[in-house]
């Protein structure tokens, strides 16, 4: 489970097994039992949320947008794209 970065105690990561065929670029966010998944392309959008508030989700969206290139680079490096 490659970790891309941490932000305020939240783990931003993806899984090594992201489906076959490989799912489009996305990022998972986790803290404790709370978790969410965001698609990265063509724009940052929420796939699911379990436990985070709307305020937290909006903050995550901004952080993901700011780190979009880092996420994409880590994804491509990990999956040899």
PDB file of N, CA and C in Angstrom:
ATOM      1  N   UNK A   1       0.851  -1.168   0.000  1.00  0.00           N
ATOM      2  CA  UNK A   1       0.000   0.000   0.000  1.00  0.00           C
ATOM      3  C   UNK A   1       0.900   1.235   0.000  1.00  0.00           C
ATOM      4  N   UNK A   2       1.286   1.702  -1.175  1.00  0.00           N
ATOM      5  CA  UNK A   2       2.182   2.858  -1.242  1.00  0.00           C
ATOM      6  C   UNK A   2       1.546   4.130  -0.681  1.00  0.00           C
ATOM      7  N   UNK A   3       2.239   4.721   0.266  1.00  0.00           N
ATOM      8  CA  UNK A   3       1.795   5.984   0.833  1.00  0.00           C
ATOM      9  C   UNK A   3       2.371   7.113  -0.005  1.00  0.00           C
ATOM     10  N   UNK A   4       1.530   8.045  -0.385  1.00  0.00           N
ATOM     11  CA  UNK A   4       1.990   9.181  -1.180  1.00  0.00           C
ATOM     12  C   UNK A   4       2.438  10.310  -0.249  1.00  0.00           C
ATOM     13  N   UNK A   5       1.610  10.632   0.751  1.00  0.00           N
ATOM     14  CA  UNK A   5       1.984  11.629   1.752  1.00  0.00           C
ATOM     15  C   UNK A   5       1.009  11.572   2.924  1.00  0.00           C
ATOM     16  N   UNK A   6       1.397  12.230   4.009  1.00  0.00           N
ATOM     17  CA  UNK A   6       0.534  12.439   5.171  1.00  0.00           C
ATOM     18  C   UNK A   6       0.206  13.914   5.255  1.00  0.00           C
ATOM     19  N   UNK A   7      -0.992  14.201   5.716  1.00  0.00           N
ATOM     20  CA  UNK A   7      -1.410  15.582   5.904  1.00  0.00           C
ATOM     21  C   UNK A   7      -2.300  15.633   7.134  1.00  0.00           C
ATOM     22  N   UNK A   8      -1.858  16.353   8.159  1.00  0.00           N
ATOM     23  CA  UNK A   8      -2.613  16.503   9.406  1.00  0.00           C
ATOM     24  C   UNK A   8      -3.076  15.151   9.947  1.00  0.00           C
ATOM     25  N   UNK A   9      -2.207  14.164   9.890  1.00  0.00           N
ATOM     26  CA  UNK A   9      -2.524  12.841  10.422  1.00  0.00           C
ATOM     27  C   UNK A   9      -3.342  11.959   9.505  1.00  0.00           C
ATOM     28  N   UNK A  10      -3.651  12.439   8.310  1.00  0.00           N
ATOM     29  CA  UNK A  10      -4.409  11.658   7.329  1.00  0.00           C
ATOM     30  C   UNK A  10      -3.435  11.017   6.350  1.00  0.00           C
ATOM     31  N   UNK A  11      -3.644   9.761   6.090  1.00  0.00           N
ATOM     32  CA  UNK A  11      -2.769   9.013   5.182  1.00  0.00           C
ATOM     33  C   UNK A  11      -3.363   9.051   3.773  1.00  0.00           C
ATOM     34  N   UNK A  12      -2.611   9.545   2.816  1.00  0.00           N
ATOM     35  CA  UNK A  12      -3.013   9.575   1.411  1.00  0.00           C
ATOM     36  C   UNK A  12      -2.229   8.478   0.709  1.00  0.00           C
ATOM     37  N   UNK A  13      -2.922   7.516   0.140  1.00  0.00           N
ATOM     38  CA  UNK A  13      -2.252   6.338  -0.409  1.00  0.00           C
ATOM     39  C   UNK A  13      -3.082   5.716  -1.521  1.00  0.00           C
ATOM     40  N   UNK A  14      -2.507   4.725  -2.176  1.00  0.00           N
ATOM     41  CA  UNK A  14      -3.250   3.853  -3.083  1.00  0.00           C
ATOM     42  C   UNK A  14      -2.797   2.436  -2.797  1.00  0.00           C
ATOM     43  N   UNK A  15      -3.462   1.465  -3.371  1.00  0.00           N
ATOM     44  CA  UNK A  15      -3.147   0.060  -3.145  1.00  0.00           C
ATOM     45  C   UNK A  15      -2.328  -0.487  -4.307  1.00  0.00           C
ATOM     46  N   UNK A  16      -1.473  -1.449  -4.015  1.00  0.00           N
ATOM     47  CA  UNK A  16      -0.662  -2.064  -5.070  1.00  0.00           C
ATOM     48  C   UNK A  16      -1.514  -2.847  -6.051  1.00  0.00           C
ATOM     49  N   UNK A  17      -2.643  -3.370  -5.594  1.00  0.00           N
ATOM     50  CA  UNK A  17      -3.559  -4.108  -6.462  1.00  0.00           C
ATOM     51  C   UNK A  17      -4.784  -3.237  -6.696  1.00  0.00           C
ATOM     52  N   UNK A  18      -4.757  -2.420  -7.711  1.00  0.00           N
ATOM     53  CA  UNK A  18      -5.856  -1.493  -7.999  1.00  0.00           C
ATOM     54  C   UNK A  18      -6.715  -1.976  -9.163  1.00  0.00           C
ATOM     55  N   UNK A  19      -6.950  -3.274  -9.202  1.00  0.00           N
ATOM     56  CA  UNK A  19      -7.859  -3.837 -10.193  1.00  0.00           C
ATOM     57  C   UNK A  19      -7.165  -4.264 -11.462  1.00  0.00           C
ATOM     58  N   UNK A  20      -7.835  -5.128 -12.180  1.00  0.00           N
ATOM     59  CA  UNK A  20      -7.341  -5.574 -13.486  1.00  0.00           C
ATOM     60  C   UNK A  20      -8.502  -5.552 -14.445  1.00  0.00           C
ATOM     61  N   UNK A  21      -8.527  -4.702 -15.430  1.00  0.00           N
ATOM     62  CA  UNK A  21      -7.443  -3.755 -15.734  1.00  0.00           C
ATOM     63  C   UNK A  21      -7.322  -2.678 -14.653  1.00  0.00           C
ATOM     64  N   UNK A  22      -6.176  -2.050 -14.624  1.00  0.00           N
ATOM     65  CA  UNK A  22      -5.865  -1.027 -13.636  1.00  0.00           C
ATOM     66  C   UNK A  22      -6.901   0.091 -13.668  1.00  0.00           C
ATOM     67  N   UNK A  23      -7.410   0.456 -12.481  1.00  0.00           N
ATOM     68  CA  UNK A  23      -8.354   1.572 -12.390  1.00  0.00           C
ATOM     69  C   UNK A  23      -7.647   2.883 -12.751  1.00  0.00           C
ATOM     70  N   UNK A  24      -8.415   3.906 -13.136  1.00  0.00           N
ATOM     71  CA  UNK A  24      -7.812   5.224 -13.378  1.00  0.00           C
ATOM     72  C   UNK A  24      -7.160   5.771 -12.099  1.00  0.00           C
ATOM     73  N   UNK A  25      -6.311   6.758 -12.265  1.00  0.00           N
ATOM     74  CA  UNK A  25      -5.592   7.335 -11.124  1.00  0.00           C
ATOM     75  C   UNK A  25      -6.573   7.864 -10.082  1.00  0.00           C
ATOM     76  N   UNK A  26      -6.320   7.461  -8.841  1.00  0.00           N
ATOM     77  CA  UNK A  26      -7.130   7.915  -7.716  1.00  0.00           C
ATOM     78  C   UNK A  26      -6.288   7.844  -6.450  1.00  0.00           C
ATOM     79  N   UNK A  27      -6.832   8.362  -5.363  1.00  0.00           N
ATOM     80  CA  UNK A  27      -6.127   8.371  -4.082  1.00  0.00           C
ATOM     81  C   UNK A  27      -7.122   8.023  -2.978  1.00  0.00           C
ATOM     82  N   UNK A  28      -6.647   7.246  -2.018  1.00  0.00           N
ATOM     83  CA  UNK A  28      -7.430   6.912  -0.833  1.00  0.00           C
ATOM     84  C   UNK A  28      -6.936   7.781   0.314  1.00  0.00           C
ATOM     85  N   UNK A  29      -7.860   8.185   1.186  1.00  0.00           N
ATOM     86  CA  UNK A  29      -7.518   8.954   2.378  1.00  0.00           C
ATOM     87  C   UNK A  29      -8.033   8.168   3.573  1.00  0.00           C
ATOM     88  N   UNK A  30      -7.187   8.039   4.594  1.00  0.00           N
ATOM     89  CA  UNK A  30      -7.587   7.255   5.754  1.00  0.00           C
ATOM     90  C   UNK A  30      -7.050   7.896   7.033  1.00  0.00           C
ATOM     91  N   UNK A  31      -7.891   7.881   8.045  1.00  0.00           N
ATOM     92  CA  UNK A  31      -7.484   8.248   9.400  1.00  0.00           C
ATOM     93  C   UNK A  31      -8.379   7.470  10.341  1.00  0.00           C
ATOM     94  N   UNK A  32      -7.778   6.605  11.141  1.00  0.00           N
ATOM     95  CA  UNK A  32      -8.568   5.749  12.016  1.00  0.00           C
ATOM     96  C   UNK A  32      -9.478   4.876  11.176  1.00  0.00           C
ATOM     97  N   UNK A  33     -10.755   4.846  11.519  1.00  0.00           N
ATOM     98  CA  UNK A  33     -11.728   4.054  10.761  1.00  0.00           C
ATOM     99  C   UNK A  33     -12.340   4.827   9.599  1.00  0.00           C
ATOM    100  N   UNK A  34     -12.087   6.130   9.527  1.00  0.00           N
ATOM    101  CA  UNK A  34     -12.631   6.956   8.446  1.00  0.00           C
ATOM    102  C   UNK A  34     -11.818   6.757   7.174  1.00  0.00           C
ATOM    103  N   UNK A  35     -12.531   6.730   6.042  1.00  0.00           N
ATOM    104  CA  UNK A  35     -11.832   6.560   4.771  1.00  0.00           C
ATOM    105  C   UNK A  35     -12.638   7.184   3.636  1.00  0.00           C
ATOM    106  N   UNK A  36     -11.906   7.567   2.595  1.00  0.00           N
ATOM    107  CA  UNK A  36     -12.530   8.159   1.410  1.00  0.00           C
ATOM    108  C   UNK A  36     -11.663   7.827   0.203  1.00  0.00           C
ATOM    109  N   UNK A  37     -12.273   7.934  -0.968  1.00  0.00           N
ATOM    110  CA  UNK A  37     -11.560   7.701  -2.224  1.00  0.00           C
ATOM    111  C   UNK A  37     -11.918   8.824  -3.183  1.00  0.00           C
ATOM    112  N   UNK A  38     -10.883   9.390  -3.820  1.00  0.00           N
ATOM    113  CA  UNK A  38     -11.066  10.463  -4.786  1.00  0.00           C
ATOM    114  C   UNK A  38     -10.463  10.064  -6.121  1.00  0.00           C
ATOM    115  N   UNK A  39     -11.207  10.296  -7.203  1.00  0.00           N
ATOM    116  CA  UNK A  39     -10.652  10.185  -8.547  1.00  0.00           C
ATOM    117  C   UNK A  39      -9.842  11.441  -8.799  1.00  0.00           C
ATOM    118  N   UNK A  40      -8.770  11.323  -9.574  1.00  0.00           N
ATOM    119  CA  UNK A  40      -7.881  12.453  -9.845  1.00  0.00           C
ATOM    120  C   UNK A  40      -8.178  13.099 -11.196  1.00  0.00           C
ATOM    121  N   UNK A  41      -8.523  12.301 -12.183  1.00  0.00           N
ATOM    122  CA  UNK A  41      -8.737  12.773 -13.551  1.00  0.00           C
ATOM    123  C   UNK A  41     -10.191  12.567 -13.964  1.00  0.00           C
ATOM    124  N   UNK A  42     -10.800  13.369 -14.776  1.00  0.00           N
ATOM    125  CA  UNK A  42     -10.257  14.596 -15.372  1.00  0.00           C
ATOM    126  C   UNK A  42     -10.203  15.752 -14.371  1.00  0.00           C
ATOM    127  N   UNK A  43     -10.861  15.583 -13.212  1.00  0.00           N
ATOM    128  CA  UNK A  43     -10.800  16.559 -12.130  1.00  0.00           C
ATOM    129  C   UNK A  43     -10.990  15.785 -10.832  1.00  0.00           C
ATOM    130  N   UNK A  44     -10.624  16.380  -9.720  1.00  0.00           N
ATOM    131  CA  UNK A  44     -10.735  15.705  -8.427  1.00  0.00           C
ATOM    132  C   UNK A  44     -12.209  15.563  -8.067  1.00  0.00           C
ATOM    133  N   UNK A  45     -12.641  14.315  -7.859  1.00  0.00           N
ATOM    134  CA  UNK A  45     -14.035  14.061  -7.499  1.00  0.00           C
ATOM    135  C   UNK A  45     -14.110  12.912  -6.500  1.00  0.00           C
ATOM    136  N   UNK A  46     -15.052  13.007  -5.598  1.00  0.00           N
ATOM    137  CA  UNK A  46     -15.228  12.020  -4.539  1.00  0.00           C
ATOM    138  C   UNK A  46     -15.922  10.774  -5.073  1.00  0.00           C
ATOM    139  N   UNK A  47     -15.331   9.609  -4.827  1.00  0.00           N
ATOM    140  CA  UNK A  47     -15.941   8.325  -5.177  1.00  0.00           C
ATOM    141  C   UNK A  47     -16.779   7.810  -4.006  1.00  0.00           C
ATOM    142  N   UNK A  48     -16.194   7.805  -2.792  1.00  0.00           N
ATOM    143  CA  UNK A  48     -16.955   7.402  -1.607  1.00  0.00           C
ATOM    144  C   UNK A  48     -16.357   8.027  -0.360  1.00  0.00           C
ATOM    145  N   UNK A  49     -17.156   8.047   0.691  1.00  0.00           N
ATOM    146  CA  UNK A  49     -16.741   8.599   1.971  1.00  0.00           C
ATOM    147  C   UNK A  49     -17.391   7.802   3.085  1.00  0.00           C
ATOM    148  N   UNK A  50     -16.591   7.411   4.055  1.00  0.00           N
ATOM    149  CA  UNK A  50     -17.090   6.748   5.256  1.00  0.00           C
ATOM    150  C   UNK A  50     -16.492   7.451   6.466  1.00  0.00           C
ATOM    151  N   UNK A  51     -17.259   8.380   7.029  1.00  0.00           N
ATOM    152  CA  UNK A  51     -16.891   8.965   8.305  1.00  0.00           C
ATOM    153  C   UNK A  51     -16.322  10.365   8.318  1.00  0.00           C
ATOM    154  N   UNK A  52     -15.892  10.896   7.196  1.00  0.00           N
ATOM    155  CA  UNK A  52     -15.341  12.246   7.185  1.00  0.00           C
ATOM    156  C   UNK A  52     -16.459  13.273   7.014  1.00  0.00           C
ATOM    157  N   UNK A  53     -16.254  14.457   7.593  1.00  0.00           N
ATOM    158  CA  UNK A  53     -17.235  15.541   7.460  1.00  0.00           C
ATOM    159  C   UNK A  53     -17.089  16.223   6.099  1.00  0.00           C
ATOM    160  N   UNK A  54     -18.094  16.989   5.727  1.00  0.00           N
ATOM    161  CA  UNK A  54     -18.041  17.758   4.477  1.00  0.00           C
ATOM    162  C   UNK A  54     -16.870  18.731   4.482  1.00  0.00           C
ATOM    163  N   UNK A  55     -16.617  19.338   5.629  1.00  0.00           N
ATOM    164  CA  UNK A  55     -15.492  20.267   5.744  1.00  0.00           C
ATOM    165  C   UNK A  55     -14.177  19.542   5.470  1.00  0.00           C
ATOM    166  N   UNK A  56     -13.999  18.363   6.063  1.00  0.00           N
ATOM    167  CA  UNK A  56     -12.774  17.593   5.835  1.00  0.00           C
ATOM    168  C   UNK A  56     -12.642  17.212   4.364  1.00  0.00           C
ATOM    169  N   UNK A  57     -13.730  16.781   3.747  1.00  0.00           N
ATOM    170  CA  UNK A  57     -13.692  16.386   2.337  1.00  0.00           C
ATOM    171  C   UNK A  57     -13.283  17.552   1.443  1.00  0.00           C
ATOM    172  N   UNK A  58     -13.784  18.741   1.738  1.00  0.00           N
ATOM    173  CA  UNK A  58     -13.392  19.927   0.966  1.00  0.00           C
ATOM    174  C   UNK A  58     -11.908  20.235   1.149  1.00  0.00           C
ATOM    175  N   UNK A  59     -11.412  20.066   2.375  1.00  0.00           N
ATOM    176  CA  UNK A  59      -9.983  20.269   2.621  1.00  0.00           C
ATOM    177  C   UNK A  59      -9.162  19.243   1.845  1.00  0.00           C
ATOM    178  N   UNK A  60      -9.598  17.980   1.862  1.00  0.00           N
ATOM    179  CA  UNK A  60      -8.886  16.930   1.131  1.00  0.00           C
ATOM    180  C   UNK A  60      -8.838  17.250  -0.359  1.00  0.00           C
ATOM    181  N   UNK A  61      -9.964  17.698  -0.892  1.00  0.00           N
ATOM    182  CA  UNK A  61     -10.026  18.020  -2.324  1.00  0.00           C
ATOM    183  C   UNK A  61      -8.970  19.077  -2.677  1.00  0.00           C
ATOM    184  N   UNK A  62      -8.855  20.104  -1.841  1.00  0.00           N
ATOM    185  CA  UNK A  62      -7.858  21.155  -2.088  1.00  0.00           C
ATOM    186  C   UNK A  62      -6.436  20.606  -1.994  1.00  0.00           C
ATOM    187  N   UNK A  63      -6.183  19.784  -0.982  1.00  0.00           N
ATOM    188  CA  UNK A  63      -4.846  19.200  -0.804  1.00  0.00           C
ATOM    189  C   UNK A  63      -4.505  18.299  -1.983  1.00  0.00           C
ATOM    190  N   UNK A  64      -5.472  17.528  -2.444  1.00  0.00           N
ATOM    191  CA  UNK A  64      -5.252  16.644  -3.596  1.00  0.00           C
ATOM    192  C   UNK A  64      -4.970  17.471  -4.847  1.00  0.00           C
ATOM    193  N   UNK A  65      -5.736  18.539  -5.061  1.00  0.00           N
ATOM    194  CA  UNK A  65      -5.492  19.404  -6.219  1.00  0.00           C
ATOM    195  C   UNK A  65      -4.085  20.000  -6.167  1.00  0.00           C
ATOM    196  N   UNK A  66      -3.645  20.405  -4.972  1.00  0.00           N
ATOM    197  CA  UNK A  66      -2.312  20.990  -4.814  1.00  0.00           C
ATOM    198  C   UNK A  66      -1.204  19.959  -5.043  1.00  0.00           C
ATOM    199  N   UNK A  67      -1.505  18.686  -4.793  1.00  0.00           N
ATOM    200  CA  UNK A  67      -0.507  17.615  -4.907  1.00  0.00           C
ATOM    201  C   UNK A  67      -0.792  16.672  -6.068  1.00  0.00           C
ATOM    202  N   UNK A  68      -1.587  17.132  -7.014  1.00  0.00           N
ATOM    203  CA  UNK A  68      -2.006  16.300  -8.140  1.00  0.00           C
ATOM    204  C   UNK A  68      -0.821  15.698  -8.889  1.00  0.00           C
ATOM    205  N   UNK A  69       0.182  16.507  -9.176  1.00  0.00           N
ATOM    206  CA  UNK A  69       1.334  16.014  -9.934  1.00  0.00           C
ATOM    207  C   UNK A  69       2.115  14.976  -9.137  1.00  0.00           C
ATOM    208  N   UNK A  70       2.290  15.198  -7.847  1.00  0.00           N
ATOM    209  CA  UNK A  70       2.973  14.234  -6.986  1.00  0.00           C
ATOM    210  C   UNK A  70       2.238  12.899  -6.990  1.00  0.00           C
ATOM    211  N   UNK A  71       0.919  12.943  -6.852  1.00  0.00           N
ATOM    212  CA  UNK A  71       0.109  11.721  -6.847  1.00  0.00           C
ATOM    213  C   UNK A  71       0.266  10.985  -8.171  1.00  0.00           C
ATOM    214  N   UNK A  72       0.146  11.722  -9.264  1.00  0.00           N
ATOM    215  CA  UNK A  72       0.271  11.103 -10.585  1.00  0.00           C
ATOM    216  C   UNK A  72       1.667  10.505 -10.794  1.00  0.00           C
ATOM    217  N   UNK A  73       2.695  11.218 -10.367  1.00  0.00           N
ATOM    218  CA  UNK A  73       4.064  10.712 -10.513  1.00  0.00           C
ATOM    219  C   UNK A  73       4.275   9.434  -9.708  1.00  0.00           C
ATOM    220  N   UNK A  74       3.804   9.416  -8.463  1.00  0.00           N
ATOM    221  CA  UNK A  74       3.951   8.221  -7.615  1.00  0.00           C
ATOM    222  C   UNK A  74       3.183   7.045  -8.206  1.00  0.00           C
ATOM    223  N   UNK A  75       1.985   7.300  -8.718  1.00  0.00           N
ATOM    224  CA  UNK A  75       1.163   6.261  -9.344  1.00  0.00           C
ATOM    225  C   UNK A  75       1.897   5.662 -10.545  1.00  0.00           C
ATOM    226  N   UNK A  76       2.352   6.538 -11.436  1.00  0.00           N
ATOM    227  CA  UNK A  76       3.037   6.079 -12.647  1.00  0.00           C
ATOM    228  C   UNK A  76       4.319   5.326 -12.319  1.00  0.00           C
ATOM    229  N   UNK A  77       5.050   5.804 -11.328  1.00  0.00           N
ATOM    230  CA  UNK A  77       6.278   5.125 -10.910  1.00  0.00           C
ATOM    231  C   UNK A  77       5.962   3.733 -10.355  1.00  0.00           C
ATOM    232  N   UNK A  78       4.956   3.647  -9.503  1.00  0.00           N
ATOM    233  CA  UNK A  78       4.617   2.370  -8.871  1.00  0.00           C
ATOM    234  C   UNK A  78       4.118   1.342  -9.884  1.00  0.00           C
ATOM    235  N   UNK A  79       3.295   1.788 -10.822  1.00  0.00           N
ATOM    236  CA  UNK A  79       2.706   0.863 -11.792  1.00  0.00           C
ATOM    237  C   UNK A  79       3.490   0.804 -13.110  1.00  0.00           C
ATOM    238  N   UNK A  80       4.669   1.418 -13.126  1.00  0.00           N
ATOM    239  CA  UNK A  80       5.542   1.393 -14.311  1.00  0.00           C
ATOM    240  C   UNK A  80       4.841   1.881 -15.573  1.00  0.00           C
ATOM    241  N   UNK A  81       4.190   3.023 -15.453  1.00  0.00           N
ATOM    242  CA  UNK A  81       3.459   3.600 -16.591  1.00  0.00           C
ATOM    243  C   UNK A  81       4.315   4.668 -17.238  1.00  0.00           C
TER     244      UNK A  81
END
